[in-house]
Every structure is written in C-alpha cells, then in structure tokens.
Amino acid sequence: MEKFAEEADLPSQTVYAWQNGRWDSSLNSMINISEVLGRTVGDLFVEV
C-alpha cells in the first residue's frame, strides 16, 4: 500500500483509511488513484 500511496501522491494513512471505508476521497485523490491504476474515475465506482 505504501508504494501505491506514493505513486498516487497520497499519505499512506489516507489510502489505508480509504481501503477500510473510514474516509471519503476528494475528487483530486480519486483522479490520482485512477491514474495510478490506469482506470477512469468512473471505474472506481463500478460495483464488482
């Protein structure tokens, strides 16, 4: 997770909290996360 947080330019605590449902991401964070994953922001909201 730390590498992902670094690549997304986010604090690792933010990524851990987001992963555990304790934090709602800002749009800028979602854009960074989607870029690291090679996906669109919309893809992050698709139910699997």
PDB file of N, CA and C in Angstrom:
ATOM      1  N   MET A   1       0.807  -1.184   0.000  1.00  0.00           N
ATOM      2  CA  MET A   1       0.000   0.000   0.000  1.00  0.00           C
ATOM      3  C   MET A   1       0.859   1.259   0.000  1.00  0.00           C
ATOM      4  N   GLU A   2       2.003   1.215   0.645  1.00  0.00           N
ATOM      5  CA  GLU A   2       2.837   2.416   0.706  1.00  0.00           C
ATOM      6  C   GLU A   2       3.306   2.847  -0.678  1.00  0.00           C
ATOM      7  N   LYS A   3       3.674   1.887  -1.515  1.00  0.00           N
ATOM      8  CA  LYS A   3       4.107   2.223  -2.870  1.00  0.00           C
ATOM      9  C   LYS A   3       2.951   2.843  -3.639  1.00  0.00           C
ATOM     10  N   PHE A   4       1.769   2.264  -3.512  1.00  0.00           N
ATOM     11  CA  PHE A   4       0.588   2.806  -4.180  1.00  0.00           C
ATOM     12  C   PHE A   4       0.322   4.227  -3.698  1.00  0.00           C
ATOM     13  N   ALA A   5       0.373   4.449  -2.399  1.00  0.00           N
ATOM     14  CA  ALA A   5       0.135   5.781  -1.842  1.00  0.00           C
ATOM     15  C   ALA A   5       1.148   6.775  -2.396  1.00  0.00           C
ATOM     16  N   GLU A   6       2.390   6.355  -2.479  1.00  0.00           N
ATOM     17  CA  GLU A   6       3.428   7.231  -3.016  1.00  0.00           C
ATOM     18  C   GLU A   6       3.154   7.564  -4.478  1.00  0.00           C
ATOM     19  N   GLU A   7       2.800   6.559  -5.272  1.00  0.00           N
ATOM     20  CA  GLU A   7       2.515   6.776  -6.687  1.00  0.00           C
ATOM     21  C   GLU A   7       1.286   7.665  -6.887  1.00  0.00           C
ATOM     22  N   ALA A   8       0.313   7.559  -5.988  1.00  0.00           N
ATOM     23  CA  ALA A   8      -0.902   8.369  -6.075  1.00  0.00           C
ATOM     24  C   ALA A   8      -0.725   9.728  -5.403  1.00  0.00           C
ATOM     25  N   ASP A   9       0.461   9.984  -4.864  1.00  0.00           N
ATOM     26  CA  ASP A   9       0.766  11.244  -4.168  1.00  0.00           C
ATOM     27  C   ASP A   9      -0.205  11.486  -3.017  1.00  0.00           C
ATOM     28  N   LEU A  10      -0.412  10.421  -2.225  1.00  0.00           N
ATOM     29  CA  LEU A  10      -1.305  10.476  -1.069  1.00  0.00           C
ATOM     30  C   LEU A  10      -0.589   9.933   0.158  1.00  0.00           C
ATOM     31  N   PRO A  11      -0.923  10.427   1.339  1.00  0.00           N
ATOM     32  CA  PRO A  11      -0.364   9.834   2.548  1.00  0.00           C
ATOM     33  C   PRO A  11      -0.823   8.379   2.686  1.00  0.00           C
ATOM     34  N   SER A  12       0.048   7.506   3.135  1.00  0.00           N
ATOM     35  CA  SER A  12      -0.331   6.088   3.265  1.00  0.00           C
ATOM     36  C   SER A  12      -1.501   5.911   4.219  1.00  0.00           C
ATOM     37  N   GLN A  13      -1.603   6.758   5.248  1.00  0.00           N
ATOM     38  CA  GLN A  13      -2.725   6.659   6.184  1.00  0.00           C
ATOM     39  C   GLN A  13      -4.049   6.913   5.469  1.00  0.00           C
ATOM     40  N   THR A  14      -4.041   7.814   4.501  1.00  0.00           N
ATOM     41  CA  THR A  14      -5.250   8.106   3.731  1.00  0.00           C
ATOM     42  C   THR A  14      -5.678   6.891   2.926  1.00  0.00           C
ATOM     43  N   VAL A  15      -4.713   6.239   2.290  1.00  0.00           N
ATOM     44  CA  VAL A  15      -5.031   5.058   1.476  1.00  0.00           C
ATOM     45  C   VAL A  15      -5.548   3.928   2.356  1.00  0.00           C
ATOM     46  N   TYR A  16      -4.927   3.700   3.508  1.00  0.00           N
ATOM     47  CA  TYR A  16      -5.398   2.656   4.420  1.00  0.00           C
ATOM     48  C   TYR A  16      -6.810   2.958   4.912  1.00  0.00           C
ATOM     49  N   ALA A  17      -7.066   4.214   5.278  1.00  0.00           N
ATOM     50  CA  ALA A  17      -8.397   4.591   5.763  1.00  0.00           C
ATOM     51  C   ALA A  17      -9.429   4.430   4.655  1.00  0.00           C
ATOM     52  N   TRP A  18      -9.076   4.839   3.437  1.00  0.00           N
ATOM     53  CA  TRP A  18      -9.987   4.705   2.303  1.00  0.00           C
ATOM     54  C   TRP A  18     -10.293   3.227   2.032  1.00  0.00           C
ATOM     55  N   GLN A  19      -9.257   2.417   2.073  1.00  0.00           N
ATOM     56  CA  GLN A  19      -9.409   0.983   1.825  1.00  0.00           C
ATOM     57  C   GLN A  19     -10.339   0.340   2.858  1.00  0.00           C
ATOM     58  N   ASN A  20     -10.321   0.847   4.078  1.00  0.00           N
ATOM     59  CA  ASN A  20     -11.134   0.277   5.150  1.00  0.00           C
ATOM     60  C   ASN A  20     -12.468   0.992   5.353  1.00  0.00           C
ATOM     61  N   GLY A  21     -12.825   1.870   4.397  1.00  0.00           N
ATOM     62  CA  GLY A  21     -14.117   2.525   4.441  1.00  0.00           C
ATOM     63  C   GLY A  21     -14.255   3.611   5.489  1.00  0.00           C
ATOM     64  N   ARG A  22     -13.142   4.142   5.973  1.00  0.00           N
ATOM     65  CA  ARG A  22     -13.198   5.163   7.014  1.00  0.00           C
ATOM     66  C   ARG A  22     -12.922   6.567   6.494  1.00  0.00           C
ATOM     67  N   TRP A  23     -12.854   6.738   5.188  1.00  0.00           N
ATOM     68  CA  TRP A  23     -12.512   8.031   4.636  1.00  0.00           C
ATOM     69  C   TRP A  23     -13.127   8.166   3.253  1.00  0.00           C
ATOM     70  N   ASP A  24     -13.730   9.303   2.973  1.00  0.00           N
ATOM     71  CA  ASP A  24     -14.274   9.592   1.652  1.00  0.00           C
ATOM     72  C   ASP A  24     -13.244  10.399   0.878  1.00  0.00           C
ATOM     73  N   SER A  25     -12.925   9.959  -0.317  1.00  0.00           N
ATOM     74  CA  SER A  25     -11.889  10.600  -1.117  1.00  0.00           C
ATOM     75  C   SER A  25     -12.363  11.893  -1.744  1.00  0.00           C
ATOM     76  N   SER A  26     -11.442  12.828  -1.873  1.00  0.00           N
ATOM     77  CA  SER A  26     -11.717  14.041  -2.629  1.00  0.00           C
ATOM     78  C   SER A  26     -11.588  13.707  -4.112  1.00  0.00           C
ATOM     79  N   LEU A  27     -12.104  14.581  -4.950  1.00  0.00           N
ATOM     80  CA  LEU A  27     -12.008  14.355  -6.386  1.00  0.00           C
ATOM     81  C   LEU A  27     -10.551  14.285  -6.829  1.00  0.00           C
ATOM     82  N   ASN A  28      -9.710  15.157  -6.296  1.00  0.00           N
ATOM     83  CA  ASN A  28      -8.295  15.123  -6.674  1.00  0.00           C
ATOM     84  C   ASN A  28      -7.645  13.796  -6.299  1.00  0.00           C
ATOM     85  N   SER A  29      -7.985  13.278  -5.134  1.00  0.00           N
ATOM     86  CA  SER A  29      -7.450  11.974  -4.720  1.00  0.00           C
ATOM     87  C   SER A  29      -7.931  10.878  -5.652  1.00  0.00           C
ATOM     88  N   MET A  30      -9.197  10.928  -6.010  1.00  0.00           N
ATOM     89  CA  MET A  30      -9.752   9.906  -6.904  1.00  0.00           C
ATOM     90  C   MET A  30      -9.082   9.960  -8.276  1.00  0.00           C
ATOM     91  N   ILE A  31      -8.787  11.157  -8.754  1.00  0.00           N
ATOM     92  CA  ILE A  31      -8.088  11.293 -10.033  1.00  0.00           C
ATOM     93  C   ILE A  31      -6.697  10.677  -9.930  1.00  0.00           C
ATOM     94  N   ASN A  32      -5.968  10.973  -8.853  1.00  0.00           N
ATOM     95  CA  ASN A  32      -4.630  10.389  -8.670  1.00  0.00           C
ATOM     96  C   ASN A  32      -4.692   8.873  -8.595  1.00  0.00           C
ATOM     97  N   ILE A  33      -5.644   8.360  -7.842  1.00  0.00           N
ATOM     98  CA  ILE A  33      -5.789   6.906  -7.690  1.00  0.00           C
ATOM     99  C   ILE A  33      -6.111   6.262  -9.032  1.00  0.00           C
ATOM    100  N   SER A  34      -7.032   6.849  -9.785  1.00  0.00           N
ATOM    101  CA  SER A  34      -7.407   6.263 -11.072  1.00  0.00           C
ATOM    102  C   SER A  34      -6.236   6.275 -12.047  1.00  0.00           C
ATOM    103  N   GLU A  35      -5.420   7.326 -12.011  1.00  0.00           N
ATOM    104  CA  GLU A  35      -4.251   7.386 -12.892  1.00  0.00           C
ATOM    105  C   GLU A  35      -3.240   6.297 -12.553  1.00  0.00           C
ATOM    106  N   VAL A  36      -3.010   6.076 -11.258  1.00  0.00           N
ATOM    107  CA  VAL A  36      -2.073   5.032 -10.841  1.00  0.00           C
ATOM    108  C   VAL A  36      -2.571   3.653 -11.282  1.00  0.00           C
ATOM    109  N   LEU A  37      -3.880   3.455 -11.207  1.00  0.00           N
ATOM    110  CA  LEU A  37      -4.462   2.163 -11.578  1.00  0.00           C
ATOM    111  C   LEU A  37      -4.684   2.016 -13.081  1.00  0.00           C
ATOM    112  N   GLY A  38      -4.511   3.112 -13.825  1.00  0.00           N
ATOM    113  CA  GLY A  38      -4.742   3.059 -15.269  1.00  0.00           C
ATOM    114  C   GLY A  38      -6.219   2.922 -15.602  1.00  0.00           C
ATOM    115  N   ARG A  39      -7.082   3.491 -14.772  1.00  0.00           N
ATOM    116  CA  ARG A  39      -8.535   3.397 -14.943  1.00  0.00           C
ATOM    117  C   ARG A  39      -9.122   4.800 -14.955  1.00  0.00           C
ATOM    118  N   THR A  40     -10.419   4.898 -15.216  1.00  0.00           N
ATOM    119  CA  THR A  40     -11.097   6.176 -15.106  1.00  0.00           C
ATOM    120  C   THR A  40     -11.648   6.318 -13.695  1.00  0.00           C
ATOM    121  N   VAL A  41     -11.989   7.534 -13.310  1.00  0.00           N
ATOM    122  CA  VAL A  41     -12.592   7.749 -12.003  1.00  0.00           C
ATOM    123  C   VAL A  41     -13.907   6.980 -11.919  1.00  0.00           C
ATOM    124  N   GLY A  42     -14.662   6.954 -12.992  1.00  0.00           N
ATOM    125  CA  GLY A  42     -15.913   6.200 -13.026  1.00  0.00           C
ATOM    126  C   GLY A  42     -15.724   4.730 -12.753  1.00  0.00           C
ATOM    127  N   ASP A  43     -14.608   4.165 -13.210  1.00  0.00           N
ATOM    128  CA  ASP A  43     -14.324   2.738 -12.958  1.00  0.00           C
ATOM    129  C   ASP A  43     -14.209   2.447 -11.466  1.00  0.00           C
ATOM    130  N   LEU A  44     -13.795   3.433 -10.684  1.00  0.00           N
ATOM    131  CA  LEU A  44     -13.619   3.220  -9.251  1.00  0.00           C
ATOM    132  C   LEU A  44     -14.959   3.070  -8.528  1.00  0.00           C
ATOM    133  N   PHE A  45     -16.038   3.464  -9.195  1.00  0.00           N
ATOM    134  CA  PHE A  45     -17.349   3.414  -8.577  1.00  0.00           C
ATOM    135  C   PHE A  45     -18.229   2.282  -9.098  1.00  0.00           C
ATOM    136  N   VAL A  46     -17.689   1.456  -9.973  1.00  0.00           N
ATOM    137  CA  VAL A  46     -18.442   0.329 -10.513  1.00  0.00           C
ATOM    138  C   VAL A  46     -18.431  -0.801  -9.508  1.00  0.00           C
ATOM    139  N   GLU A  47     -19.597  -1.320  -9.205  1.00  0.00           N
ATOM    140  CA  GLU A  47     -19.708  -2.423  -8.261  1.00  0.00           C
ATOM    141  C   GLU A  47     -19.207  -3.707  -8.886  1.00  0.00           C
ATOM    142  N   VAL A  48     -18.423  -4.465  -8.135  1.00  0.00           N
ATOM    143  CA  VAL A  48     -17.916  -5.758  -8.631  1.00  0.00           C
ATOM    144  C   VAL A  48     -18.538  -6.894  -7.884  1.00  0.00           C
TER     145      VAL A  48
END
